Amino acid sequence: MEYLSITISLITLFVCLSVYNKVSAMEARIKAMQVSYDHIAQEVGLPRHPVQDEVLQLVREGKKVAAVKKAREVLGLSLVEAKQYVDALEA
């Protein structure tokens, strides 16, 4: 009986890790696609995301932390990604 519960636990752990890896890979692909989309949109001249103007305004006002927070909330970025996004806008 004890072996059965250990086996079930190990199988569950394996399935969870597999799902986590797949989700992580999909998130990375989506982020790469977003970067490609942003680059193409800039080249074609499509309007920017509305939050970009808000974030840029916060940066100009010296509220960089608020700008990073806004980018994280609206765009669903991690802290590092939001910081890089704000830094790129600032440049």
PDB file of N, CA and C in Angstrom:
ATOM      1  N   MET A   1       0.819  -1.193   0.000  1.00  0.00           N
ATOM      2  CA  MET A   1       0.000   0.000   0.000  1.00  0.00           C
ATOM      3  C   MET A   1       0.862   1.254   0.000  1.00  0.00           C
ATOM      4  N   GLU A   2       1.945   1.174   0.756  1.00  0.00           N
ATOM      5  CA  GLU A   2       2.848   2.312   0.840  1.00  0.00           C
ATOM      6  C   GLU A   2       3.518   2.579  -0.512  1.00  0.00           C
ATOM      7  N   TYR A   3       3.872   1.508  -1.223  1.00  0.00           N
ATOM      8  CA  TYR A   3       4.498   1.657  -2.531  1.00  0.00           C
ATOM      9  C   TYR A   3       3.543   2.304  -3.527  1.00  0.00           C
ATOM     10  N   LEU A   4       2.286   1.985  -3.402  1.00  0.00           N
ATOM     11  CA  LEU A   4       1.278   2.552  -4.297  1.00  0.00           C
ATOM     12  C   LEU A   4       1.171   4.059  -4.111  1.00  0.00           C
ATOM     13  N   SER A   5       1.149   4.508  -2.889  1.00  0.00           N
ATOM     14  CA  SER A   5       1.043   5.950  -2.643  1.00  0.00           C
ATOM     15  C   SER A   5       2.306   6.683  -3.099  1.00  0.00           C
ATOM     16  N   ILE A   6       3.461   6.077  -2.918  1.00  0.00           N
ATOM     17  CA  ILE A   6       4.713   6.684  -3.387  1.00  0.00           C
ATOM     18  C   ILE A   6       4.725   6.751  -4.909  1.00  0.00           C
ATOM     19  N   THR A   7       4.285   5.682  -5.552  1.00  0.00           N
ATOM     20  CA  THR A   7       4.228   5.655  -7.016  1.00  0.00           C
ATOM     21  C   THR A   7       3.276   6.717  -7.548  1.00  0.00           C
ATOM     22  N   ILE A   8       2.117   6.824  -6.945  1.00  0.00           N
ATOM     23  CA  ILE A   8       1.147   7.842  -7.374  1.00  0.00           C
ATOM     24  C   ILE A   8       1.712   9.240  -7.162  1.00  0.00           C
ATOM     25  N   SER A   9       2.392   9.444  -6.053  1.00  0.00           N
ATOM     26  CA  SER A   9       3.008  10.748  -5.778  1.00  0.00           C
ATOM     27  C   SER A   9       4.069  11.090  -6.816  1.00  0.00           C
ATOM     28  N   LEU A  10       4.893  10.116  -7.168  1.00  0.00           N
ATOM     29  CA  LEU A  10       5.939  10.354  -8.165  1.00  0.00           C
ATOM     30  C   LEU A  10       5.348  10.630  -9.546  1.00  0.00           C
ATOM     31  N   ILE A  11       4.315   9.906  -9.900  1.00  0.00           N
ATOM     32  CA  ILE A  11       3.657  10.136 -11.193  1.00  0.00           C
ATOM     33  C   ILE A  11       3.037  11.528 -11.222  1.00  0.00           C
ATOM     34  N   THR A  12       2.388  11.915 -10.131  1.00  0.00           N
ATOM     35  CA  THR A  12       1.787  13.244 -10.042  1.00  0.00           C
ATOM     36  C   THR A  12       2.858  14.325 -10.153  1.00  0.00           C
ATOM     37  N   LEU A  13       3.968  14.128  -9.477  1.00  0.00           N
ATOM     38  CA  LEU A  13       5.070  15.083  -9.543  1.00  0.00           C
ATOM     39  C   LEU A  13       5.605  15.196 -10.968  1.00  0.00           C
ATOM     40  N   PHE A  14       5.782  14.071 -11.626  1.00  0.00           N
ATOM     41  CA  PHE A  14       6.270  14.065 -13.003  1.00  0.00           C
ATOM     42  C   PHE A  14       5.313  14.806 -13.928  1.00  0.00           C
ATOM     43  N   VAL A  15       4.021  14.565 -13.780  1.00  0.00           N
ATOM     44  CA  VAL A  15       3.021  15.235 -14.619  1.00  0.00           C
ATOM     45  C   VAL A  15       3.040  16.741 -14.366  1.00  0.00           C
ATOM     46  N   CYS A  16       3.108  17.133 -13.113  1.00  0.00           N
ATOM     47  CA  CYS A  16       3.146  18.564 -12.776  1.00  0.00           C
ATOM     48  C   CYS A  16       4.384  19.238 -13.364  1.00  0.00           C
ATOM     49  N   LEU A  17       5.526  18.594 -13.261  1.00  0.00           N
ATOM     50  CA  LEU A  17       6.749  19.163 -13.822  1.00  0.00           C
ATOM     51  C   LEU A  17       6.671  19.259 -15.343  1.00  0.00           C
ATOM     52  N   SER A  18       6.089  18.269 -15.970  1.00  0.00           N
ATOM     53  CA  SER A  18       5.931  18.298 -17.426  1.00  0.00           C
ATOM     54  C   SER A  18       5.029  19.448 -17.852  1.00  0.00           C
ATOM     55  N   VAL A  19       3.925  19.617 -17.155  1.00  0.00           N
ATOM     56  CA  VAL A  19       3.002  20.715 -17.471  1.00  0.00           C
ATOM     57  C   VAL A  19       3.690  22.056 -17.247  1.00  0.00           C
ATOM     58  N   TYR A  20       4.424  22.183 -16.156  1.00  0.00           N
ATOM     59  CA  TYR A  20       5.140  23.424 -15.867  1.00  0.00           C
ATOM     60  C   TYR A  20       6.145  23.751 -16.975  1.00  0.00           C
ATOM     61  N   ASN A  21       6.878  22.751 -17.431  1.00  0.00           N
ATOM     62  CA  ASN A  21       7.846  22.973 -18.506  1.00  0.00           C
ATOM     63  C   ASN A  21       7.165  23.414 -19.792  1.00  0.00           C
ATOM     64  N   LYS A  22       6.047  22.796 -20.118  1.00  0.00           N
ATOM     65  CA  LYS A  22       5.305  23.169 -21.334  1.00  0.00           C
ATOM     66  C   LYS A  22       4.795  24.603 -21.231  1.00  0.00           C
ATOM     67  N   VAL A  23       4.251  24.967 -20.088  1.00  0.00           N
ATOM     68  CA  VAL A  23       3.735  26.326 -19.897  1.00  0.00           C
ATOM     69  C   VAL A  23       4.872  27.339 -19.982  1.00  0.00           C
ATOM     70  N   SER A  24       5.997  27.034 -19.388  1.00  0.00           N
ATOM     71  CA  SER A  24       7.149  27.940 -19.448  1.00  0.00           C
ATOM     72  C   SER A  24       7.623  28.128 -20.885  1.00  0.00           C
ATOM     73  N   ALA A  25       7.663  27.045 -21.632  1.00  0.00           N
ATOM     74  CA  ALA A  25       8.083  27.135 -23.035  1.00  0.00           C
ATOM     75  C   ALA A  25       7.092  27.963 -23.841  1.00  0.00           C
ATOM     76  N   MET A  26       5.816  27.791 -23.576  1.00  0.00           N
ATOM     77  CA  MET A  26       4.802  28.565 -24.298  1.00  0.00           C
ATOM     78  C   MET A  26       4.887  30.046 -23.947  1.00  0.00           C
ATOM     79  N   GLU A  27       5.138  30.360 -22.685  1.00  0.00           N
ATOM     80  CA  GLU A  27       5.291  31.757 -22.285  1.00  0.00           C
ATOM     81  C   GLU A  27       6.476  32.390 -23.005  1.00  0.00           C
ATOM     82  N   ALA A  28       7.568  31.664 -23.105  1.00  0.00           N
ATOM     83  CA  ALA A  28       8.747  32.186 -23.793  1.00  0.00           C
ATOM     84  C   ALA A  28       8.448  32.431 -25.271  1.00  0.00           C
ATOM     85  N   ARG A  29       7.717  31.518 -25.888  1.00  0.00           N
ATOM     86  CA  ARG A  29       7.362  31.694 -27.303  1.00  0.00           C
ATOM     87  C   ARG A  29       6.441  32.893 -27.491  1.00  0.00           C
ATOM     88  N   ILE A  30       5.497  33.063 -26.596  1.00  0.00           N
ATOM     89  CA  ILE A  30       4.576  34.200 -26.691  1.00  0.00           C
ATOM     90  C   ILE A  30       5.336  35.511 -26.537  1.00  0.00           C
ATOM     91  N   LYS A  31       6.264  35.565 -25.604  1.00  0.00           N
ATOM     92  CA  LYS A  31       7.050  36.786 -25.414  1.00  0.00           C
ATOM     93  C   LYS A  31       7.902  37.079 -26.643  1.00  0.00           C
ATOM     94  N   ALA A  32       8.473  36.045 -27.244  1.00  0.00           N
ATOM     95  CA  ALA A  32       9.260  36.240 -28.464  1.00  0.00           C
ATOM     96  C   ALA A  32       8.374  36.742 -29.601  1.00  0.00           C
ATOM     97  N   MET A  33       7.167  36.207 -29.684  1.00  0.00           N
ATOM     98  CA  MET A  33       6.236  36.667 -30.715  1.00  0.00           C
ATOM     99  C   MET A  33       5.835  38.120 -30.475  1.00  0.00           C
ATOM    100  N   GLN A  34       5.687  38.509 -29.215  1.00  0.00           N
ATOM    101  CA  GLN A  34       5.329  39.889 -28.895  1.00  0.00           C
ATOM    102  C   GLN A  34       6.444  40.840 -29.309  1.00  0.00           C
ATOM    103  N   VAL A  35       7.677  40.437 -29.080  1.00  0.00           N
ATOM    104  CA  VAL A  35       8.808  41.266 -29.496  1.00  0.00           C
ATOM    105  C   VAL A  35       8.815  41.416 -31.014  1.00  0.00           C
ATOM    106  N   SER A  36       8.578  40.320 -31.721  1.00  0.00           N
ATOM    107  CA  SER A  36       8.518  40.377 -33.182  1.00  0.00           C
ATOM    108  C   SER A  36       7.381  41.275 -33.642  1.00  0.00           C
ATOM    109  N   TYR A  37       6.230  41.128 -33.010  1.00  0.00           N
ATOM    110  CA  TYR A  37       5.076  41.962 -33.357  1.00  0.00           C
ATOM    111  C   TYR A  37       5.385  43.438 -33.123  1.00  0.00           C
ATOM    112  N   ASP A  38       5.988  43.755 -31.988  1.00  0.00           N
ATOM    113  CA  ASP A  38       6.317  45.149 -31.690  1.00  0.00           C
ATOM    114  C   ASP A  38       7.275  45.719 -32.728  1.00  0.00           C
ATOM    115  N   HIS A  39       8.250  44.914 -33.130  1.00  0.00           N
ATOM    116  CA  HIS A  39       9.218  45.373 -34.129  1.00  0.00           C
ATOM    117  C   HIS A  39       8.529  45.617 -35.470  1.00  0.00           C
ATOM    118  N   ILE A  40       7.688  44.693 -35.889  1.00  0.00           N
ATOM    119  CA  ILE A  40       6.966  44.843 -37.159  1.00  0.00           C
ATOM    120  C   ILE A  40       6.026  46.039 -37.095  1.00  0.00           C
ATOM    121  N   ALA A  41       5.327  46.202 -35.979  1.00  0.00           N
ATOM    122  CA  ALA A  41       4.400  47.327 -35.826  1.00  0.00           C
ATOM    123  C   ALA A  41       5.139  48.653 -35.918  1.00  0.00           C
ATOM    124  N   GLN A  42       6.322  48.704 -35.353  1.00  0.00           N
ATOM    125  CA  GLN A  42       7.120  49.928 -35.411  1.00  0.00           C
ATOM    126  C   GLN A  42       7.574  50.201 -36.843  1.00  0.00           C
ATOM    127  N   GLU A  43       7.995  49.170 -37.552  1.00  0.00           N
ATOM    128  CA  GLU A  43       8.445  49.333 -38.934  1.00  0.00           C
ATOM    129  C   GLU A  43       7.307  49.776 -39.849  1.00  0.00           C
ATOM    130  N   VAL A  44       6.117  49.225 -39.638  1.00  0.00           N
ATOM    131  CA  VAL A  44       4.972  49.529 -40.493  1.00  0.00           C
ATOM    132  C   VAL A  44       4.334  50.857 -40.103  1.00  0.00           C
ATOM    133  N   GLY A  45       4.535  51.262 -38.865  1.00  0.00           N
ATOM    134  CA  GLY A  45       3.974  52.525 -38.415  1.00  0.00           C
ATOM    135  C   GLY A  45       2.625  52.396 -37.737  1.00  0.00           C
ATOM    136  N   LEU A  46       2.341  51.225 -37.189  1.00  0.00           N
ATOM    137  CA  LEU A  46       1.096  51.049 -36.445  1.00  0.00           C
ATOM    138  C   LEU A  46       1.169  51.843 -35.143  1.00  0.00           C
ATOM    139  N   PRO A  47       0.018  52.292 -34.657  1.00  0.00           N
ATOM    140  CA  PRO A  47       0.044  53.048 -33.398  1.00  0.00           C
ATOM    141  C   PRO A  47       0.533  52.178 -32.244  1.00  0.00           C
ATOM    142  N   ARG A  48       1.145  52.848 -31.278  1.00  0.00           N
ATOM    143  CA  ARG A  48       1.678  52.143 -30.119  1.00  0.00           C
ATOM    144  C   ARG A  48       0.549  51.700 -29.197  1.00  0.00           C
ATOM    145  N   HIS A  49       0.904  50.812 -28.291  1.00  0.00           N
ATOM    146  CA  HIS A  49      -0.042  50.360 -27.269  1.00  0.00           C
ATOM    147  C   HIS A  49      -0.393  51.573 -26.399  1.00  0.00           C
ATOM    148  N   PRO A  50      -1.668  51.770 -26.060  1.00  0.00           N
ATOM    149  CA  PRO A  50      -2.066  52.949 -25.281  1.00  0.00           C
ATOM    150  C   PRO A  50      -1.330  53.093 -23.952  1.00  0.00           C
ATOM    151  N   VAL A  51      -0.973  51.996 -23.330  1.00  0.00           N
ATOM    152  CA  VAL A  51      -0.275  52.086 -22.051  1.00  0.00           C
ATOM    153  C   VAL A  51       1.134  52.640 -22.230  1.00  0.00           C
ATOM    154  N   GLN A  52       1.688  52.510 -23.417  1.00  0.00           N
ATOM    155  CA  GLN A  52       3.046  52.990 -23.652  1.00  0.00           C
ATOM    156  C   GLN A  52       3.133  54.496 -23.415  1.00  0.00           C
ATOM    157  N   ASP A  53       2.108  55.234 -23.830  1.00  0.00           N
ATOM    158  CA  ASP A  53       2.106  56.675 -23.601  1.00  0.00           C
ATOM    159  C   ASP A  53       2.012  56.994 -22.112  1.00  0.00           C
ATOM    160  N   GLU A  54       1.196  56.221 -21.386  1.00  0.00           N
ATOM    161  CA  GLU A  54       1.077  56.425 -19.938  1.00  0.00           C
ATOM    162  C   GLU A  54       2.400  56.150 -19.237  1.00  0.00           C
ATOM    163  N   VAL A  55       3.026  55.058 -19.608  1.00  0.00           N
ATOM    164  CA  VAL A  55       4.298  54.686 -18.991  1.00  0.00           C
ATOM    165  C   VAL A  55       5.358  55.734 -19.311  1.00  0.00           C
ATOM    166  N   LEU A  56       5.388  56.197 -20.541  1.00  0.00           N
ATOM    167  CA  LEU A  56       6.353  57.223 -20.937  1.00  0.00           C
ATOM    168  C   LEU A  56       6.126  58.510 -20.156  1.00  0.00           C
ATOM    169  N   GLN A  57       4.872  58.879 -19.928  1.00  0.00           N
ATOM    170  CA  GLN A  57       4.562  60.079 -19.157  1.00  0.00           C
ATOM    171  C   GLN A  57       5.044  59.936 -17.713  1.00  0.00           C
ATOM    172  N   LEU A  58       4.839  58.757 -17.135  1.00  0.00           N
ATOM    173  CA  LEU A  58       5.318  58.519 -15.773  1.00  0.00           C
ATOM    174  C   LEU A  58       6.840  58.621 -15.703  1.00  0.00           C
ATOM    175  N   VAL A  59       7.525  58.113 -16.706  1.00  0.00           N
ATOM    176  CA  VAL A  59       8.990  58.195 -16.741  1.00  0.00           C
ATOM    177  C   VAL A  59       9.424  59.651 -16.820  1.00  0.00           C
ATOM    178  N   ARG A  60       8.762  60.423 -17.664  1.00  0.00           N
ATOM    179  CA  ARG A  60       9.111  61.847 -17.810  1.00  0.00           C
ATOM    180  C   ARG A  60       8.890  62.621 -16.510  1.00  0.00           C
ATOM    181  N   GLU A  61       7.908  62.179 -15.717  1.00  0.00           N
ATOM    182  CA  GLU A  61       7.629  62.830 -14.439  1.00  0.00           C
ATOM    183  C   GLU A  61       8.573  62.353 -13.337  1.00  0.00           C
ATOM    184  N   GLY A  62       9.469  61.450 -13.669  1.00  0.00           N
ATOM    185  CA  GLY A  62      10.411  60.933 -12.690  1.00  0.00           C
ATOM    186  C   GLY A  62       9.843  59.820 -11.825  1.00  0.00           C
ATOM    187  N   LYS A  63       8.735  59.243 -12.225  1.00  0.00           N
ATOM    188  CA  LYS A  63       8.078  58.178 -11.464  1.00  0.00           C
ATOM    189  C   LYS A  63       8.357  56.830 -12.124  1.00  0.00           C
ATOM    190  N   LYS A  64       9.629  56.466 -12.126  1.00  0.00           N
ATOM    191  CA  LYS A  64      10.043  55.252 -12.821  1.00  0.00           C
ATOM    192  C   LYS A  64       9.467  53.989 -12.175  1.00  0.00           C
ATOM    193  N   VAL A  65       9.390  53.972 -10.857  1.00  0.00           N
ATOM    194  CA  VAL A  65       8.838  52.804 -10.163  1.00  0.00           C
ATOM    195  C   VAL A  65       7.363  52.630 -10.519  1.00  0.00           C
ATOM    196  N   ALA A  66       6.624  53.732 -10.560  1.00  0.00           N
ATOM    197  CA  ALA A  66       5.207  53.671 -10.941  1.00  0.00           C
ATOM    198  C   ALA A  66       5.064  53.224 -12.393  1.00  0.00           C
ATOM    199  N   ALA A  67       6.004  53.640 -13.237  1.00  0.00           N
ATOM    200  CA  ALA A  67       5.974  53.235 -14.647  1.00  0.00           C
ATOM    201  C   ALA A  67       6.191  51.730 -14.779  1.00  0.00           C
ATOM    202  N   VAL A  68       7.128  51.199 -14.015  1.00  0.00           N
ATOM    203  CA  VAL A  68       7.388  49.754 -14.039  1.00  0.00           C
ATOM    204  C   VAL A  68       6.162  49.002 -13.528  1.00  0.00           C
ATOM    205  N   LYS A  69       5.558  49.509 -12.462  1.00  0.00           N
ATOM    206  CA  LYS A  69       4.365  48.866 -11.902  1.00  0.00           C
ATOM    207  C   LYS A  69       3.225  48.864 -12.915  1.00  0.00           C
ATOM    208  N   LYS A  70       3.013  49.988 -13.591  1.00  0.00           N
ATOM    209  CA  LYS A  70       1.943  50.087 -14.589  1.00  0.00           C
ATOM    210  C   LYS A  70       2.197  49.106 -15.732  1.00  0.00           C
ATOM    211  N   ALA A  71       3.434  49.033 -16.201  1.00  0.00           N
ATOM    212  CA  ALA A  71       3.780  48.112 -17.285  1.00  0.00           C
ATOM    213  C   ALA A  71       3.532  46.667 -16.860  1.00  0.00           C
ATOM    214  N   ARG A  72       3.870  46.344 -15.618  1.00  0.00           N
ATOM    215  CA  ARG A  72       3.644  44.978 -15.120  1.00  0.00           C
ATOM    216  C   ARG A  72       2.164  44.647 -15.073  1.00  0.00           C
ATOM    217  N   GLU A  73       1.362  45.588 -14.568  1.00  0.00           N
ATOM    218  CA  GLU A  73      -0.076  45.343 -14.415  1.00  0.00           C
ATOM    219  C   GLU A  73      -0.765  45.160 -15.763  1.00  0.00           C
ATOM    220  N   VAL A  74      -0.504  46.081 -16.675  1.00  0.00           N
ATOM    221  CA  VAL A  74      -1.244  46.101 -17.936  1.00  0.00           C
ATOM    222  C   VAL A  74      -0.716  45.071 -18.928  1.00  0.00           C
ATOM    223  N   LEU A  75       0.584  44.950 -19.025  1.00  0.00           N
ATOM    224  CA  LEU A  75       1.179  44.079 -20.034  1.00  0.00           C
ATOM    225  C   LEU A  75       1.475  42.672 -19.527  1.00  0.00           C
ATOM    226  N   GLY A  76       1.364  42.461 -18.221  1.00  0.00           N
ATOM    227  CA  GLY A  76       1.607  41.129 -17.671  1.00  0.00           C
ATOM    228  C   GLY A  76       3.067  40.718 -17.708  1.00  0.00           C
ATOM    229  N   LEU A  77       3.955  41.673 -17.537  1.00  0.00           N
ATOM    230  CA  LEU A  77       5.388  41.398 -17.595  1.00  0.00           C
ATOM    231  C   LEU A  77       5.923  41.047 -16.213  1.00  0.00           C
ATOM    232  N   SER A  78       7.053  40.366 -16.204  1.00  0.00           N
ATOM    233  CA  SER A  78       7.745  40.129 -14.940  1.00  0.00           C
ATOM    234  C   SER A  78       8.425  41.434 -14.537  1.00  0.00           C
ATOM    235  N   LEU A  79       8.967  41.467 -13.340  1.00  0.00           N
ATOM    236  CA  LEU A  79       9.625  42.683 -12.866  1.00  0.00           C
ATOM    237  C   LEU A  79      10.801  43.060 -13.762  1.00  0.00           C
ATOM    238  N   VAL A  80      11.602  42.078 -14.119  1.00  0.00           N
ATOM    239  CA  VAL A  80      12.769  42.338 -14.972  1.00  0.00           C
ATOM    240  C   VAL A  80      12.329  42.817 -16.357  1.00  0.00           C
ATOM    241  N   GLU A  81      11.326  42.160 -16.921  1.00  0.00           N
ATOM    242  CA  GLU A  81      10.843  42.543 -18.252  1.00  0.00           C
ATOM    243  C   GLU A  81      10.246  43.946 -18.239  1.00  0.00           C
ATOM    244  N   ALA A  82       9.488  44.264 -17.189  1.00  0.00           N
ATOM    245  CA  ALA A  82       8.898  45.601 -17.091  1.00  0.00           C
ATOM    246  C   ALA A  82       9.985  46.656 -16.954  1.00  0.00           C
ATOM    247  N   LYS A  83      11.020  46.358 -16.182  1.00  0.00           N
ATOM    248  CA  LYS A  83      12.145  47.301 -16.027  1.00  0.00           C
ATOM    249  C   LYS A  83      12.835  47.514 -17.366  1.00  0.00           C
ATOM    250  N   GLN A  84      13.055  46.445 -18.113  1.00  0.00           N
ATOM    251  CA  GLN A  84      13.682  46.566 -19.430  1.00  0.00           C
ATOM    252  C   GLN A  84      12.789  47.349 -20.388  1.00  0.00           C
ATOM    253  N   TYR A  85      11.481  47.128 -20.305  1.00  0.00           N
ATOM    254  CA  TYR A  85      10.518  47.842 -21.149  1.00  0.00           C
ATOM    255  C   TYR A  85      10.586  49.342 -20.866  1.00  0.00           C
ATOM    256  N   VAL A  86      10.582  49.704 -19.589  1.00  0.00           N
ATOM    257  CA  VAL A  86      10.638  51.115 -19.203  1.00  0.00           C
ATOM    258  C   VAL A  86      11.982  51.716 -19.602  1.00  0.00           C
ATOM    259  N   ASP A  87      13.060  50.978 -19.406  1.00  0.00           N
ATOM    260  CA  ASP A  87      14.382  51.474 -19.809  1.00  0.00           C
ATOM    261  C   ASP A  87      14.449  51.710 -21.313  1.00  0.00           C
ATOM    262  N   ALA A  88      13.831  50.823 -22.091  1.00  0.00           N
ATOM    263  CA  ALA A  88      13.824  50.985 -23.551  1.00  0.00           C
ATOM    264  C   ALA A  88      13.018  52.217 -23.955  1.00  0.00           C
ATOM    265  N   LEU A  89      11.928  52.485 -23.260  1.00  0.00           N
ATOM    266  CA  LEU A  89      11.138  53.683 -23.558  1.00  0.00           C
ATOM    267  C   LEU A  89      11.904  54.944 -23.195  1.00  0.00           C
ATOM    268  N   GLU A  90      12.662  54.847 -22.134  1.00  0.00           N
ATOM    269  CA  GLU A  90      13.408  55.999 -21.636  1.00  0.00           C
ATOM    270  C   GLU A  90      14.545  56.387 -22.586  1.00  0.00           C
ATOM    271  N   ALA A  91      15.080  55.401 -23.280  1.00  0.00           N
ATOM    272  CA  ALA A  91      16.239  55.650 -24.161  1.00  0.00           C
ATOM    273  C   ALA A  91      15.861  56.404 -25.414  1.00  0.00           C
TER     274      ALA A  91
END
